[in-house]
Amino acid sequence: MNETPPLLETPAAAVTAPEITPAPVEDTSGHINMKMLQNIPVTLSVQVGTAVLKIHDLLRLTQGSVVELERIAGEPVDLLVNNTVVAQGEVVTVNERYGIRLTRVVTAAERIKNI
């Protein structure tokens, strides 16, 4: 009979991960390293409006269905960065693509208040 050789077992203590040293966010004088922060990717999105539906109504949606949003036509849309509203504006087209012209920027104090 062909027997398979036993699996080699390595004790957990023998396996070590390489040590990772994170880059400092602050320099030696305590100032924030802006170059490092500027390279962090964020997700930018525009929210036209929202709607609350019952599952029953959601399951009845088909191609051509219209979902009414709570926002009134002509009202500013929200610009979000990582799901946090940072500005409002109006939808525009730029070279056949959608864009947003900012009409109001949310202050840092307002953003912190909404956390």
C-alpha atoms as a PDB file:
ATOM      1  CA  MET A   1       0.000   0.000   0.000  1.00  0.00           C
ATOM      2  CA  ASN A   2       1.195   3.520  -0.759  1.00  0.00           C
ATOM      3  CA  GLU A   3       1.282   5.536   2.403  1.00  0.00           C
ATOM      4  CA  THR A   4       1.552   9.279   2.237  1.00  0.00           C
ATOM      5  CA  PRO A   5       4.388  10.683   4.279  1.00  0.00           C
ATOM      6  CA  PRO A   6       3.351  12.474   7.450  1.00  0.00           C
ATOM      7  CA  LEU A   7       2.921  16.245   7.198  1.00  0.00           C
ATOM      8  CA  LEU A   8       5.780  18.267   8.532  1.00  0.00           C
ATOM      9  CA  GLU A   9       4.666  20.288  11.480  1.00  0.00           C
ATOM     10  CA  THR A  10       6.342  23.552  12.298  1.00  0.00           C
ATOM     11  CA  PRO A  11       5.894  24.802  15.831  1.00  0.00           C
ATOM     12  CA  ALA A  12       4.133  28.185  15.960  1.00  0.00           C
ATOM     13  CA  ALA A  13       7.055  29.689  17.837  1.00  0.00           C
ATOM     14  CA  ALA A  14       9.386  28.896  14.928  1.00  0.00           C
ATOM     15  CA  VAL A  15       7.384  30.994  12.446  1.00  0.00           C
ATOM     16  CA  THR A  16       8.132  34.695  12.669  1.00  0.00           C
ATOM     17  CA  ALA A  17       6.706  37.533  10.619  1.00  0.00           C
ATOM     18  CA  PRO A  18       9.032  40.226   9.357  1.00  0.00           C
ATOM     19  CA  GLU A  19       9.002  43.333  11.512  1.00  0.00           C
ATOM     20  CA  ILE A  20       7.276  46.273   9.834  1.00  0.00           C
ATOM     21  CA  THR A  21       8.201  49.757  10.906  1.00  0.00           C
ATOM     22  CA  PRO A  22       5.517  52.289   9.942  1.00  0.00           C
ATOM     23  CA  ALA A  23       6.641  55.576   8.466  1.00  0.00           C
ATOM     24  CA  PRO A  24       6.308  58.382  10.988  1.00  0.00           C
ATOM     25  CA  VAL A  25       3.316  60.663  10.507  1.00  0.00           C
ATOM     26  CA  GLU A  26       5.155  63.411  12.372  1.00  0.00           C
ATOM     27  CA  ASP A  27       8.724  64.534  11.878  1.00  0.00           C
ATOM     28  CA  THR A  28      11.148  65.063  14.748  1.00  0.00           C
ATOM     29  CA  SER A  29       9.829  68.598  15.351  1.00  0.00           C
ATOM     30  CA  GLY A  30       6.244  67.298  15.810  1.00  0.00           C
ATOM     31  CA  HIS A  31       4.952  68.599  12.475  1.00  0.00           C
ATOM     32  CA  ILE A  32       2.656  66.348  10.428  1.00  0.00           C
ATOM     33  CA  ASN A  33       4.267  64.812   7.336  1.00  0.00           C
ATOM     34  CA  MET A  34       1.940  66.277   4.678  1.00  0.00           C
ATOM     35  CA  LYS A  35       3.572  64.328   1.813  1.00  0.00           C
ATOM     36  CA  MET A  36       2.587  61.083   3.476  1.00  0.00           C
ATOM     37  CA  LEU A  37      -0.974  62.253   4.162  1.00  0.00           C
ATOM     38  CA  GLN A  38      -1.436  63.528   0.602  1.00  0.00           C
ATOM     39  CA  ASN A  39      -0.808  60.033  -0.801  1.00  0.00           C
ATOM     40  CA  ILE A  40      -3.629  58.376   1.177  1.00  0.00           C
ATOM     41  CA  PRO A  41      -6.454  57.430  -1.227  1.00  0.00           C
ATOM     42  CA  VAL A  42     -10.008  58.490  -0.363  1.00  0.00           C
ATOM     43  CA  THR A  43     -13.347  57.683  -1.990  1.00  0.00           C
ATOM     44  CA  LEU A  44     -15.226  60.659  -3.401  1.00  0.00           C
ATOM     45  CA  SER A  45     -18.940  60.251  -4.170  1.00  0.00           C
ATOM     46  CA  VAL A  46     -21.967  62.419  -4.917  1.00  0.00           C
ATOM     47  CA  GLN A  47     -25.324  61.729  -3.290  1.00  0.00           C
ATOM     48  CA  VAL A  48     -28.319  62.920  -5.273  1.00  0.00           C
ATOM     49  CA  GLY A  49     -30.826  61.786  -2.659  1.00  0.00           C
ATOM     50  CA  THR A  50     -32.116  58.877  -0.610  1.00  0.00           C
ATOM     51  CA  ALA A  51     -35.339  56.918  -0.290  1.00  0.00           C
ATOM     52  CA  VAL A  52     -36.707  54.468   2.250  1.00  0.00           C
ATOM     53  CA  LEU A  53     -38.523  51.467   0.780  1.00  0.00           C
ATOM     54  CA  LYS A  54     -40.129  48.392   2.255  1.00  0.00           C
ATOM     55  CA  ILE A  55     -38.617  45.106   1.074  1.00  0.00           C
ATOM     56  CA  HIS A  56     -41.939  44.354  -0.626  1.00  0.00           C
ATOM     57  CA  ASP A  57     -41.635  47.503  -2.758  1.00  0.00           C
ATOM     58  CA  LEU A  58     -37.940  46.911  -3.409  1.00  0.00           C
ATOM     59  CA  LEU A  59     -38.671  43.435  -4.804  1.00  0.00           C
ATOM     60  CA  ARG A  60     -41.248  44.901  -7.201  1.00  0.00           C
ATOM     61  CA  LEU A  61     -38.726  47.209  -8.906  1.00  0.00           C
ATOM     62  CA  THR A  62     -38.127  46.437 -12.572  1.00  0.00           C
ATOM     63  CA  GLN A  63     -36.480  48.136 -15.521  1.00  0.00           C
ATOM     64  CA  GLY A  64     -38.288  51.434 -16.039  1.00  0.00           C
ATOM     65  CA  SER A  65     -39.412  51.758 -12.401  1.00  0.00           C
ATOM     66  CA  VAL A  66     -39.038  55.225 -10.893  1.00  0.00           C
ATOM     67  CA  VAL A  67     -37.886  55.632  -7.286  1.00  0.00           C
ATOM     68  CA  GLU A  68     -38.807  58.995  -5.789  1.00  0.00           C
ATOM     69  CA  LEU A  69     -36.019  60.544  -3.734  1.00  0.00           C
ATOM     70  CA  GLU A  70     -36.507  62.808  -0.720  1.00  0.00           C
ATOM     71  CA  ARG A  71     -34.516  65.622  -2.302  1.00  0.00           C
ATOM     72  CA  ILE A  72     -36.356  68.289  -4.300  1.00  0.00           C
ATOM     73  CA  ALA A  73     -35.253  68.879  -7.909  1.00  0.00           C
ATOM     74  CA  GLY A  74     -32.789  71.766  -8.078  1.00  0.00           C
ATOM     75  CA  GLU A  75     -31.650  71.286  -4.475  1.00  0.00           C
ATOM     76  CA  PRO A  76     -27.851  70.971  -4.036  1.00  0.00           C
ATOM     77  CA  VAL A  77     -26.354  67.470  -4.075  1.00  0.00           C
ATOM     78  CA  ASP A  78     -23.947  66.260  -1.363  1.00  0.00           C
ATOM     79  CA  LEU A  79     -20.253  65.653  -2.009  1.00  0.00           C
ATOM     80  CA  LEU A  80     -18.958  62.917   0.303  1.00  0.00           C
ATOM     81  CA  VAL A  81     -15.398  61.873   1.124  1.00  0.00           C
ATOM     82  CA  ASN A  82     -15.303  58.410   2.701  1.00  0.00           C
ATOM     83  CA  ASN A  83     -19.065  58.702   3.414  1.00  0.00           C
ATOM     84  CA  THR A  84     -18.725  62.077   5.179  1.00  0.00           C
ATOM     85  CA  VAL A  85     -20.426  65.140   3.673  1.00  0.00           C
ATOM     86  CA  VAL A  86     -17.736  67.751   2.974  1.00  0.00           C
ATOM     87  CA  ALA A  87     -19.516  70.009   0.485  1.00  0.00           C
ATOM     88  CA  GLN A  88     -22.668  70.637  -1.521  1.00  0.00           C
ATOM     89  CA  GLY A  89     -23.032  71.705  -5.110  1.00  0.00           C
ATOM     90  CA  GLU A  90     -24.858  71.519  -8.394  1.00  0.00           C
ATOM     91  CA  VAL A  91     -24.473  68.851 -11.056  1.00  0.00           C
ATOM     92  CA  VAL A  92     -22.737  70.039 -14.238  1.00  0.00           C
ATOM     93  CA  THR A  93     -21.380  68.358 -17.352  1.00  0.00           C
ATOM     94  CA  VAL A  94     -17.713  68.586 -18.288  1.00  0.00           C
ATOM     95  CA  ASN A  95     -16.614  67.056 -21.606  1.00  0.00           C
ATOM     96  CA  GLU A  96     -19.741  64.835 -21.655  1.00  0.00           C
ATOM     97  CA  ARG A  97     -19.105  63.629 -18.083  1.00  0.00           C
ATOM     98  CA  TYR A  98     -20.887  64.564 -14.893  1.00  0.00           C
ATOM     99  CA  GLY A  99     -19.187  66.899 -12.450  1.00  0.00           C
ATOM    100  CA  ILE A 100     -20.145  68.982  -9.439  1.00  0.00           C
ATOM    101  CA  ARG A 101     -19.723  72.731  -8.993  1.00  0.00           C
ATOM    102  CA  LEU A 102     -19.254  73.373  -5.276  1.00  0.00           C
ATOM    103  CA  THR A 103     -21.629  75.940  -3.814  1.00  0.00           C
ATOM    104  CA  ARG A 104     -20.963  75.315  -0.117  1.00  0.00           C
ATOM    105  CA  VAL A 105     -18.061  73.690   1.739  1.00  0.00           C
ATOM    106  CA  VAL A 106     -18.849  72.171   5.136  1.00  0.00           C
ATOM    107  CA  THR A 107     -16.595  73.604   7.841  1.00  0.00           C
ATOM    108  CA  ALA A 108     -14.403  71.314   9.944  1.00  0.00           C
ATOM    109  CA  ALA A 109     -16.461  72.276  13.015  1.00  0.00           C
ATOM    110  CA  GLU A 110     -19.687  71.135  11.298  1.00  0.00           C
ATOM    111  CA  ARG A 111     -18.105  67.830  10.215  1.00  0.00           C
ATOM    112  CA  ILE A 112     -16.877  67.113  13.730  1.00  0.00           C
ATOM    113  CA  LYS A 113     -20.310  67.964  15.161  1.00  0.00           C
ATOM    114  CA  ASN A 114     -21.922  65.374  12.867  1.00  0.00           C
ATOM    115  CA  ILE A 115     -19.589  62.529  13.927  1.00  0.00           C
END
